[in-house]
């Protein structure tokens, strides 16, 4: 299809036939960039269908070869879906994709396109990981039109583009990685995936702020957005879904980086908990929920007298603004003031907890550190605390308790609405609190 050159404003997206220093639509200066627009073609008029006439047969997913990745995707890879995987440099994006493609190529035709490395470098990584994938094909290319032309001939069921910031559309004058190139390249690849029913994985770079590089519209164009998370000094890696048209969001997959590549962690709760029996002040076990998976993590707090006029409030893995509110609740409804103390709160293992069910764990950890009272290793807690000091229920409470009982915990402090109506669960003694003061009193009595 022939294309004609147009120019688009980066601010208001208005188009012009020729470049100018100033956008006529919004008045911004030096915002017009070159884009390619398909030339007008004769098309048949579109016909609307009744909702009841649209076929919606169940889609047959195929496994990705890694059960943790299948969990994040909602049960497997959907044919024709477009999945964007982002993460910091060196975190393992290319590693997990070559492992996935090698496993899938045993049953499906697969094509790995690299724009950052040569085919020899990718093959060397595969041998280093011990992968044997004779049916997986490699292509070192950055021209989108050449990639699509080869993909039409090879007809792969699964296609990987590593990465979207390295490929380019020849009709645009901008360099690869620019806003226009990323948008137009992604649009062409998405059209190919939908037309050919090919599952497409796109690797995306991230900025120093942790956001995917390129236009924000890139995340809207794809069907799923996955983030690869992990500390550079840690062996553990998390894949989190923040958008998924074919499954639940906020699911996580847990992996550990080894010399042989990424390995799945089937019991992440045991991974993030200390194995020793020693107790220390300021450490409380929280039963949190990541998607459909209950996860037990350790919340740590350190409270010490401050020599500064403005004591520090630092939260790692938790909402820092919510920490200030919880400390005010601890003073008002618990009787423990921290106005002259530095407060540091951390979730061990590099996990980030975003749900409000962590409120009770943070408050009990702070109380334990402030009073220098160790917490028994057999106690697990969860619950949201309101501004009036009331304990509010959280979703999937029974699943959290079952996970705690499975790992050998004996006691639990939870909101009264989440407490089992018939006592404990598999030897777990559950205390249901109506107010924060009740939870603190029970906690100090048993510590």
Protein backbone atom coordinates (compact mmCIF):
# COMPACT_ATOMS: atom_id res chain seq x y z
CA UNK A 1 0.00 0.00 0.00
CA UNK A 2 1.45 3.38 -0.93
CA UNK A 3 2.05 5.91 1.81
CA UNK A 4 2.22 9.66 1.78
CA UNK A 5 4.23 11.78 4.17
CA UNK A 6 2.35 13.84 6.73
CA UNK A 7 3.34 15.77 9.83
CA UNK A 8 1.71 15.44 13.24
CA UNK A 9 1.85 17.69 16.30
CA UNK A 10 3.25 15.92 19.38
CA UNK A 11 1.00 17.98 21.68
CA UNK A 12 -2.43 18.01 20.03
CA UNK A 13 -1.94 15.28 17.34
CA UNK A 14 -3.24 17.59 14.61
CA UNK A 15 -1.92 16.69 11.13
CA UNK A 16 -0.53 18.91 8.39
CA UNK A 17 0.51 18.26 4.80
CA UNK A 18 3.88 19.99 5.22
CA UNK A 19 6.25 20.89 8.01
CA UNK A 20 6.02 24.24 9.74
CA UNK A 21 7.72 25.69 12.77
CA UNK A 22 4.39 26.36 14.51
CA UNK A 23 1.32 24.13 14.79
CA UNK A 24 -1.74 25.88 13.36
CA UNK A 25 -4.09 23.96 15.69
CA UNK A 26 -2.59 24.54 19.14
CA UNK A 27 0.08 27.18 18.46
CA UNK A 28 2.98 25.13 19.87
CA UNK A 29 6.42 25.63 18.34
CA UNK A 30 8.67 22.87 16.95
CA UNK A 31 6.20 20.07 17.68
CA UNK A 32 5.51 18.78 14.16
CA UNK A 33 7.04 15.37 13.44
CA UNK A 34 6.92 13.29 10.28
CA UNK A 35 4.53 10.33 10.17
CA UNK A 36 3.40 7.98 7.45
CA UNK A 37 -0.28 7.79 6.60
CA UNK A 38 -1.84 5.14 4.38
CA UNK A 39 -3.05 6.61 1.13
CA UNK A 40 -6.74 6.69 0.57
CA UNK A 41 -8.00 3.44 -0.92
CA UNK A 42 -11.35 2.22 -2.11
CA UNK A 43 -13.02 0.14 0.59
CA UNK A 44 -16.36 -1.48 0.99
CA UNK A 45 -18.68 0.16 3.47
CA UNK A 46 -18.49 -1.34 6.94
CA UNK A 47 -21.51 -3.25 8.21
CA UNK A 48 -22.57 -3.27 11.85
CA UNK A 49 -23.54 -6.58 13.43
CA UNK A 50 -26.02 -7.37 16.14
CA UNK A 51 -24.36 -8.29 19.42
CA UNK A 52 -26.24 -11.60 19.48
CA UNK A 53 -24.95 -12.47 15.97
CA UNK A 54 -21.28 -12.14 16.90
CA UNK A 55 -19.62 -15.51 17.45
CA UNK A 56 -17.84 -15.73 20.80
CA UNK A 57 -16.57 -19.30 20.90
CA UNK A 58 -14.01 -20.07 23.59
CA UNK A 59 -10.44 -19.34 22.55
CA UNK A 60 -7.99 -22.20 22.82
CA UNK A 61 -4.94 -20.95 24.71
CA UNK A 62 -1.56 -22.62 24.41
CA UNK A 63 0.90 -22.90 27.31
CA UNK A 64 3.93 -20.63 27.45
CA UNK A 65 6.16 -23.34 28.86
CA UNK A 66 6.44 -21.61 32.27
CA UNK A 67 3.53 -22.11 34.65
CA UNK A 68 4.20 -18.82 36.46
CA UNK A 69 4.03 -16.90 33.18
CA UNK A 70 0.82 -18.73 32.28
CA UNK A 71 -0.64 -17.62 35.62
CA UNK A 72 0.15 -13.97 34.89
CA UNK A 73 -1.31 -14.20 31.37
CA UNK A 74 -4.55 -15.71 32.68
CA UNK A 75 -4.00 -19.37 31.77
CA UNK A 76 -1.78 -19.26 28.69
CA UNK A 77 -1.10 -17.37 25.49
CA UNK A 78 -4.11 -16.38 23.38
CA UNK A 79 -3.60 -16.64 19.59
CA UNK A 80 -3.52 -13.18 18.04
CA UNK A 81 -2.79 -11.44 21.34
CA UNK A 82 -0.11 -8.76 21.69
CA UNK A 83 1.88 -8.79 24.95
CA UNK A 84 4.21 -5.98 25.99
CA UNK A 85 6.96 -6.92 28.48
CA UNK A 86 8.88 -4.09 30.14
CA UNK A 87 11.63 -3.97 32.74
CA UNK A 88 14.98 -2.53 33.73
CA UNK A 89 18.10 -3.35 31.67
CA UNK A 90 19.60 -6.72 32.52
CA UNK A 91 16.66 -7.91 34.59
CA UNK A 92 15.98 -10.94 32.35
CA UNK A 93 13.44 -9.92 29.69
CA UNK A 94 15.32 -11.54 26.82
CA UNK A 95 16.18 -14.55 28.96
CA UNK A 96 12.60 -15.41 29.85
CA UNK A 97 11.39 -14.85 26.30
CA UNK A 98 14.00 -17.12 24.73
CA UNK A 99 13.15 -19.76 27.36
CA UNK A 100 9.45 -19.35 26.59
CA UNK A 101 9.94 -19.48 22.83
CA UNK A 102 12.20 -22.53 23.08
CA UNK A 103 9.52 -24.38 25.06
CA UNK A 104 6.69 -23.33 22.74
CA UNK A 105 8.64 -24.17 19.58
CA UNK A 106 8.33 -27.87 20.43
CA UNK A 107 4.65 -27.66 19.43
CA UNK A 108 4.35 -24.37 17.52
CA UNK A 109 6.36 -22.53 14.88
CA UNK A 110 8.23 -19.65 16.53
CA UNK A 111 10.28 -16.68 15.31
CA UNK A 112 12.60 -14.59 17.50
CA UNK A 113 13.49 -11.19 16.00
CA UNK A 114 16.35 -9.34 17.66
CA UNK A 115 17.24 -5.74 16.99
CA UNK A 116 19.79 -5.34 19.78
CA UNK A 117 21.96 -8.42 19.27
CA UNK A 118 23.18 -10.57 16.43
CA UNK A 119 21.73 -14.01 15.78
CA UNK A 120 25.01 -15.52 17.01
CA UNK A 121 24.68 -13.73 20.35
CA UNK A 122 21.13 -15.00 20.84
CA UNK A 123 22.20 -18.53 19.91
CA UNK A 124 25.10 -18.29 22.37
CA UNK A 125 22.71 -17.32 25.16
CA UNK A 126 20.45 -20.23 24.29
CA UNK A 127 23.34 -22.69 24.52
CA UNK A 128 24.48 -21.18 27.78
CA UNK A 129 20.98 -21.74 29.18
CA UNK A 130 21.01 -25.32 27.93
CA UNK A 131 18.11 -24.81 25.52
CA UNK A 132 17.47 -27.11 22.60
CA UNK A 133 15.06 -25.57 20.14
CA UNK A 134 15.76 -26.81 16.60
CA UNK A 135 12.39 -25.48 15.36
CA UNK A 136 12.82 -21.92 16.68
CA UNK A 137 14.02 -19.48 14.01
CA UNK A 138 16.12 -16.36 14.57
CA UNK A 139 16.18 -13.10 12.63
CA UNK A 140 18.45 -10.10 13.25
CA UNK A 141 16.53 -7.23 11.63
CA UNK A 142 15.20 -3.78 12.52
CA UNK A 143 13.15 -2.88 9.42
CA UNK A 144 9.50 -3.44 10.29
CA UNK A 145 8.47 -4.00 6.67
CA UNK A 146 11.18 -6.65 6.23
CA UNK A 147 10.16 -8.33 9.49
CA UNK A 148 6.50 -8.50 8.49
CA UNK A 149 7.35 -9.73 4.99
CA UNK A 150 9.43 -12.59 6.40
CA UNK A 151 6.77 -13.37 9.01
CA UNK A 152 4.14 -13.68 6.28
CA UNK A 153 6.33 -16.24 4.49
CA UNK A 154 7.31 -18.21 7.60
CA UNK A 155 3.84 -17.96 9.22
CA UNK A 156 4.98 -18.35 12.85
CA UNK A 157 2.36 -18.95 15.53
CA UNK A 158 4.48 -17.00 18.06
CA UNK A 159 6.61 -13.94 17.27
CA UNK A 160 9.00 -12.03 19.57
CA UNK A 161 10.29 -8.52 18.82
CA UNK A 162 13.27 -7.60 21.00
CA UNK A 163 12.82 -4.70 21.28
CA UNK A 164 10.16 -2.32 19.98
CA UNK A 165 12.51 0.65 20.52
CA UNK A 166 15.05 -0.75 18.02
CA UNK A 167 12.78 -1.35 15.01
CA UNK A 168 11.75 1.36 12.55
CA UNK A 169 9.42 2.17 9.66
CA UNK A 170 11.48 3.20 6.58
CA UNK A 171 9.02 5.89 5.49
CA UNK A 172 9.68 7.95 8.64
CA UNK A 173 12.78 10.10 8.95
CA UNK A 174 12.99 9.89 12.77
CA UNK A 175 15.54 7.65 14.46
CA UNK A 176 14.48 4.29 15.94
CA UNK A 177 13.15 4.73 19.46
CA UNK A 178 11.52 8.08 18.78
CA UNK A 179 7.86 8.60 19.61
CA UNK A 180 6.72 8.45 15.99
CA UNK A 181 8.80 5.35 15.17
CA UNK A 182 7.65 3.41 18.24
CA UNK A 183 4.00 4.24 17.57
CA UNK A 184 4.03 3.44 13.85
CA UNK A 185 6.16 0.31 14.27
CA UNK A 186 3.90 -1.04 17.01
CA UNK A 187 0.78 -0.25 14.96
CA UNK A 188 2.11 -2.19 11.95
CA UNK A 189 3.10 -5.19 14.08
CA UNK A 190 -0.22 -5.21 15.93
CA UNK A 191 -2.12 -5.16 12.62
CA UNK A 192 -0.07 -8.12 11.40
CA UNK A 193 -0.69 -10.07 14.62
CA UNK A 194 -4.45 -9.54 14.45
CA UNK A 195 -4.68 -10.34 10.72
CA UNK A 196 -2.56 -13.50 10.92
CA UNK A 197 -3.72 -14.64 14.40
CA UNK A 198 -0.09 -14.66 15.55
CA UNK A 199 0.76 -14.29 19.24
CA UNK A 200 3.16 -11.35 19.50
CA UNK A 201 5.57 -10.51 22.34
CA UNK A 202 7.06 -7.01 22.35
CA UNK A 203 9.99 -6.13 24.61
CA UNK A 204 9.85 -2.54 25.87
CA UNK A 205 12.55 -0.42 27.46
CA UNK A 206 11.79 1.62 30.57
CA UNK A 207 12.81 5.15 31.54
CA UNK A 208 14.70 6.10 34.69
CA UNK A 209 11.32 6.73 36.34
CA UNK A 210 10.35 3.10 35.71
CA UNK A 211 7.77 3.84 32.99
CA UNK A 212 7.75 2.23 29.55
CA UNK A 213 9.68 4.36 27.09
CA UNK A 214 7.85 5.77 24.09
CA UNK A 215 4.32 7.06 23.66
CA UNK A 216 1.69 6.16 26.25
CA UNK A 217 -0.54 4.97 23.42
CA UNK A 218 1.75 1.93 23.13
CA UNK A 219 0.19 0.45 26.27
CA UNK A 220 -3.31 1.08 24.91
CA UNK A 221 -2.56 -0.71 21.62
CA UNK A 222 -1.52 -4.03 23.17
CA UNK A 223 -3.66 -6.65 24.90
CA UNK A 224 -1.45 -7.20 27.96
CA UNK A 225 1.24 -5.18 29.72
CA UNK A 226 3.65 -7.07 31.96
CA UNK A 227 6.34 -5.52 34.14
CA UNK A 228 9.49 -7.41 35.10
CA UNK A 229 10.46 -6.31 38.62
CA UNK A 230 13.37 -7.11 40.86
CA UNK A 231 16.36 -5.69 42.69
CA UNK A 232 19.58 -5.81 40.70
CA UNK A 233 21.34 -7.30 43.72
CA UNK A 234 18.71 -9.98 44.30
CA UNK A 235 18.20 -13.31 42.55
CA UNK A 236 14.43 -13.03 42.71
CA UNK A 237 12.30 -11.66 39.87
CA UNK A 238 8.58 -10.82 39.71
CA UNK A 239 6.41 -10.46 36.63
CA UNK A 240 3.33 -8.37 37.31
CA UNK A 241 0.37 -7.86 34.97
CA UNK A 242 -0.98 -4.30 35.02
CA UNK A 243 -3.22 -4.77 31.98
CA UNK A 244 -4.69 -7.97 30.58
CA UNK A 245 -7.66 -8.23 28.24
CA UNK A 246 -7.70 -12.01 28.60
CA UNK A 247 -7.20 -12.44 32.34
CA UNK A 248 -6.96 -10.82 35.75
CA UNK A 249 -4.69 -7.89 36.46
CA UNK A 250 -2.27 -7.61 39.39
CA UNK A 251 -1.34 -11.29 39.06
CA UNK A 252 2.33 -12.01 39.74
CA UNK A 253 4.73 -14.72 38.68
CA UNK A 254 7.74 -15.39 40.87
CA UNK A 255 11.09 -16.53 39.44
CA UNK A 256 14.64 -16.98 40.66
CA UNK A 257 17.63 -16.20 38.43
CA UNK A 258 20.13 -19.06 38.19
CA UNK A 259 23.08 -19.91 35.96
CA UNK A 260 20.66 -21.95 33.85
CA UNK A 261 18.20 -19.07 33.39
CA UNK A 262 15.00 -18.22 35.20
CA UNK A 263 13.41 -20.91 37.33
CA UNK A 264 9.86 -20.86 38.66
CA UNK A 265 9.09 -20.51 42.38
CA UNK A 266 6.02 -22.57 43.15
CA UNK A 267 5.78 -21.53 46.83
CA UNK A 268 6.71 -17.84 47.02
CA UNK A 269 5.38 -17.44 50.57
CA UNK A 270 8.11 -19.73 51.90
CA UNK A 271 10.63 -17.84 49.76
CA UNK A 272 9.98 -14.44 51.36
CA UNK A 273 9.88 -15.69 54.96
CA UNK A 274 12.87 -16.26 57.20
CA UNK A 275 13.55 -19.89 57.97
CA UNK A 276 15.14 -19.31 61.39
CA UNK A 277 13.11 -19.52 64.58
CA UNK A 278 14.57 -16.36 66.15
CA UNK A 279 12.21 -13.49 66.88
CA UNK A 280 13.11 -9.81 66.68
CA UNK A 281 11.20 -6.67 67.64
CA UNK A 282 9.54 -4.90 64.73
CA UNK A 283 8.96 -7.94 62.50
CA UNK A 284 5.41 -9.06 61.67
CA UNK A 285 4.16 -11.54 59.05
CA UNK A 286 1.49 -10.16 56.71
CA UNK A 287 -0.89 -12.28 54.64
CA UNK A 288 -1.31 -10.20 51.50
CA UNK A 289 -3.01 -10.96 48.19
CA UNK A 290 -1.47 -10.64 44.73
CA UNK A 291 -4.22 -11.20 42.18
CA UNK A 292 -5.68 -14.61 42.97
CA UNK A 293 -2.62 -15.76 44.95
CA UNK A 294 -2.26 -15.33 48.73
CA UNK A 295 1.28 -14.37 49.67
CA UNK A 296 2.94 -14.20 53.08
CA UNK A 297 5.61 -11.52 53.47
CA UNK A 298 7.55 -10.02 56.36
CA UNK A 299 6.86 -6.39 57.33
CA UNK A 300 9.72 -4.83 59.31
CA UNK A 301 9.73 -1.61 61.30
CA UNK A 302 12.50 0.30 63.05
CA UNK A 303 11.62 3.19 65.37
CA UNK A 304 14.36 5.19 67.04
CA UNK A 305 14.62 8.57 68.76
CA UNK A 306 15.40 11.36 66.32
CA UNK A 307 17.95 14.09 66.84
CA UNK A 308 16.46 16.20 64.03
CA UNK A 309 13.65 18.70 64.35
CA UNK A 310 11.66 16.84 61.69
CA UNK A 311 11.80 13.06 62.25
CA UNK A 312 12.12 10.91 59.13
CA UNK A 313 9.32 8.73 57.75
CA UNK A 314 10.61 6.17 55.24
CA UNK A 315 8.56 3.35 53.69
CA UNK A 316 10.07 0.79 51.27
CA UNK A 317 7.61 -1.49 49.50
CA UNK A 318 4.64 0.36 51.01
CA UNK A 319 2.75 3.63 50.48
CA UNK A 320 4.84 6.33 52.16
CA UNK A 321 1.91 8.75 52.48
CA UNK A 322 -0.26 6.12 54.14
CA UNK A 323 2.49 5.51 56.71
CA UNK A 324 1.96 9.01 58.15
CA UNK A 325 -1.76 8.35 58.54
CA UNK A 326 -1.13 5.02 60.27
CA UNK A 327 1.27 6.62 62.77
CA UNK A 328 -1.43 9.18 63.62
CA UNK A 329 -3.88 6.28 64.17
CA UNK A 330 -1.34 4.56 66.42
CA UNK A 331 -1.16 7.68 68.58
CA UNK A 332 -4.88 8.46 68.65
CA UNK A 333 -6.32 4.96 69.06
CA UNK A 334 -3.31 3.01 70.38
CA UNK A 335 -1.79 5.52 72.78
CA UNK A 336 1.74 5.25 71.32
CA UNK A 337 3.28 8.52 70.13
CA UNK A 338 6.02 8.57 67.49
CA UNK A 339 6.27 12.32 66.92
CA UNK A 340 9.86 12.45 68.16
CA UNK A 341 11.05 9.25 66.52
CA UNK A 342 12.42 8.29 63.12
CA UNK A 343 10.23 5.58 61.57
CA UNK A 344 11.49 3.16 58.91
CA UNK A 345 9.20 0.49 57.45
CA UNK A 346 10.23 -2.14 54.92
CA UNK A 347 8.78 -5.20 53.20
CA UNK A 348 11.50 -7.85 53.17
CA UNK A 349 12.47 -9.52 49.92
CA UNK A 350 11.85 -6.53 47.65
CA UNK A 351 8.09 -7.16 47.41
CA UNK A 352 5.81 -4.15 46.93
CA UNK A 353 2.49 -4.25 48.78
CA UNK A 354 -0.14 -1.81 47.54
CA UNK A 355 -3.30 -3.03 49.25
CA UNK A 356 -4.70 -1.50 52.46
CA UNK A 357 -4.78 -4.94 54.13
CA UNK A 358 -1.21 -4.17 55.23
CA UNK A 359 -2.40 -1.49 57.71
CA UNK A 360 -2.58 -3.79 60.73
CA UNK A 361 0.80 -5.39 60.00
CA UNK A 362 2.48 -1.95 59.79
CA UNK A 363 0.87 -0.79 63.04
CA UNK A 364 1.81 -3.94 64.95
CA UNK A 365 5.38 -3.87 63.59
CA UNK A 366 5.76 -0.24 64.69
CA UNK A 367 4.35 -1.04 68.13
CA UNK A 368 6.69 -4.00 68.49
CA UNK A 369 9.74 -1.89 67.57
CA UNK A 370 8.70 1.06 69.73
CA UNK A 371 8.19 -1.11 72.84
CA UNK A 372 11.05 -3.50 71.97
CA UNK A 373 8.65 -6.44 72.23
CA UNK A 374 9.45 -9.38 69.91
CA UNK A 375 6.61 -10.98 67.92
CA UNK A 376 6.18 -14.73 67.89
CA UNK A 377 7.01 -16.39 64.57
CA UNK A 378 3.69 -18.26 64.68
CA UNK A 379 1.57 -15.09 64.28
CA UNK A 380 0.14 -13.78 60.99
CA UNK A 381 -2.00 -10.65 60.59
CA UNK A 382 -3.92 -8.65 58.00
CA UNK A 383 -6.61 -5.99 58.00
CA UNK A 384 -7.45 -2.42 56.98
CA UNK A 385 -7.78 0.24 59.69
CA UNK A 386 -10.18 3.14 59.27
CA UNK A 387 -9.67 6.68 60.55
CA UNK A 388 -12.06 6.00 63.43
CA UNK A 389 -9.87 3.10 64.53
CA UNK A 390 -12.28 0.45 63.25
CA UNK A 391 -11.05 -2.78 61.69
CA UNK A 392 -12.39 -3.10 58.17
CA UNK A 393 -12.60 -6.42 56.29
CA UNK A 394 -10.43 -7.22 53.28
CA UNK A 395 -11.22 -9.50 50.31
CA UNK A 396 -10.31 -13.21 50.21
CA UNK A 397 -9.75 -13.43 53.95
CA UNK A 398 -10.34 -17.19 54.14
CA UNK A 399 -7.78 -17.87 51.40
CA UNK A 400 -5.19 -15.87 53.32
CA UNK A 401 -5.89 -17.86 56.48
CA UNK A 402 -5.66 -21.17 54.64
CA UNK A 403 -2.27 -20.18 53.21
CA UNK A 404 -1.04 -19.28 56.70
CA UNK A 405 -2.27 -22.57 58.15
CA UNK A 406 -0.60 -24.49 55.32
CA UNK A 407 2.75 -22.90 56.21
CA UNK A 408 2.44 -23.81 59.89
CA UNK A 409 1.25 -20.58 61.53
CA UNK A 410 -0.75 -21.05 64.74
CA UNK A 411 -2.24 -17.61 65.50
CA UNK A 412 -3.85 -14.85 63.47
CA UNK A 413 -5.21 -11.36 64.18
CA UNK A 414 -7.75 -10.22 61.58
CA UNK A 415 -10.82 -7.97 61.31
CA UNK A 416 -13.89 -9.47 62.96
CA UNK A 417 -15.65 -9.74 59.59
CA UNK A 418 -12.84 -11.92 58.23
CA UNK A 419 -12.74 -14.28 61.23
CA UNK A 420 -14.15 -17.79 60.59
CA UNK A 421 -17.58 -18.29 62.09
CA UNK A 422 -16.65 -21.74 63.41
CA UNK A 423 -13.35 -21.15 65.12
CA UNK A 424 -9.95 -21.69 63.58
CA UNK A 425 -8.87 -23.23 60.31
CA UNK A 426 -6.64 -26.33 60.37
CA UNK A 427 -5.21 -25.61 63.81
CA UNK A 428 -5.05 -21.82 63.31
CA UNK A 429 -6.40 -19.81 66.25
CA UNK A 430 -7.98 -16.65 64.83
CA UNK A 431 -8.74 -13.52 66.86
CA UNK A 432 -11.24 -11.17 65.24
CA UNK A 433 -10.86 -7.51 66.29
CA UNK A 434 -13.49 -4.80 65.93
CA UNK A 435 -11.18 -1.91 66.85
CA UNK A 436 -7.47 -1.23 66.54
CA UNK A 437 -7.27 -1.00 70.33
CA UNK A 438 -8.55 -4.59 70.63
CA UNK A 439 -5.98 -5.85 68.13
CA UNK A 440 -3.15 -4.05 69.96
CA UNK A 441 -4.27 -5.35 73.34
CA UNK A 442 -4.45 -8.95 72.08
CA UNK A 443 -1.11 -8.55 70.33
CA UNK A 444 0.71 -7.25 73.42
CA UNK A 445 -0.88 -9.90 75.60
CA UNK A 446 0.43 -12.70 73.40
CA UNK A 447 3.86 -11.24 72.53
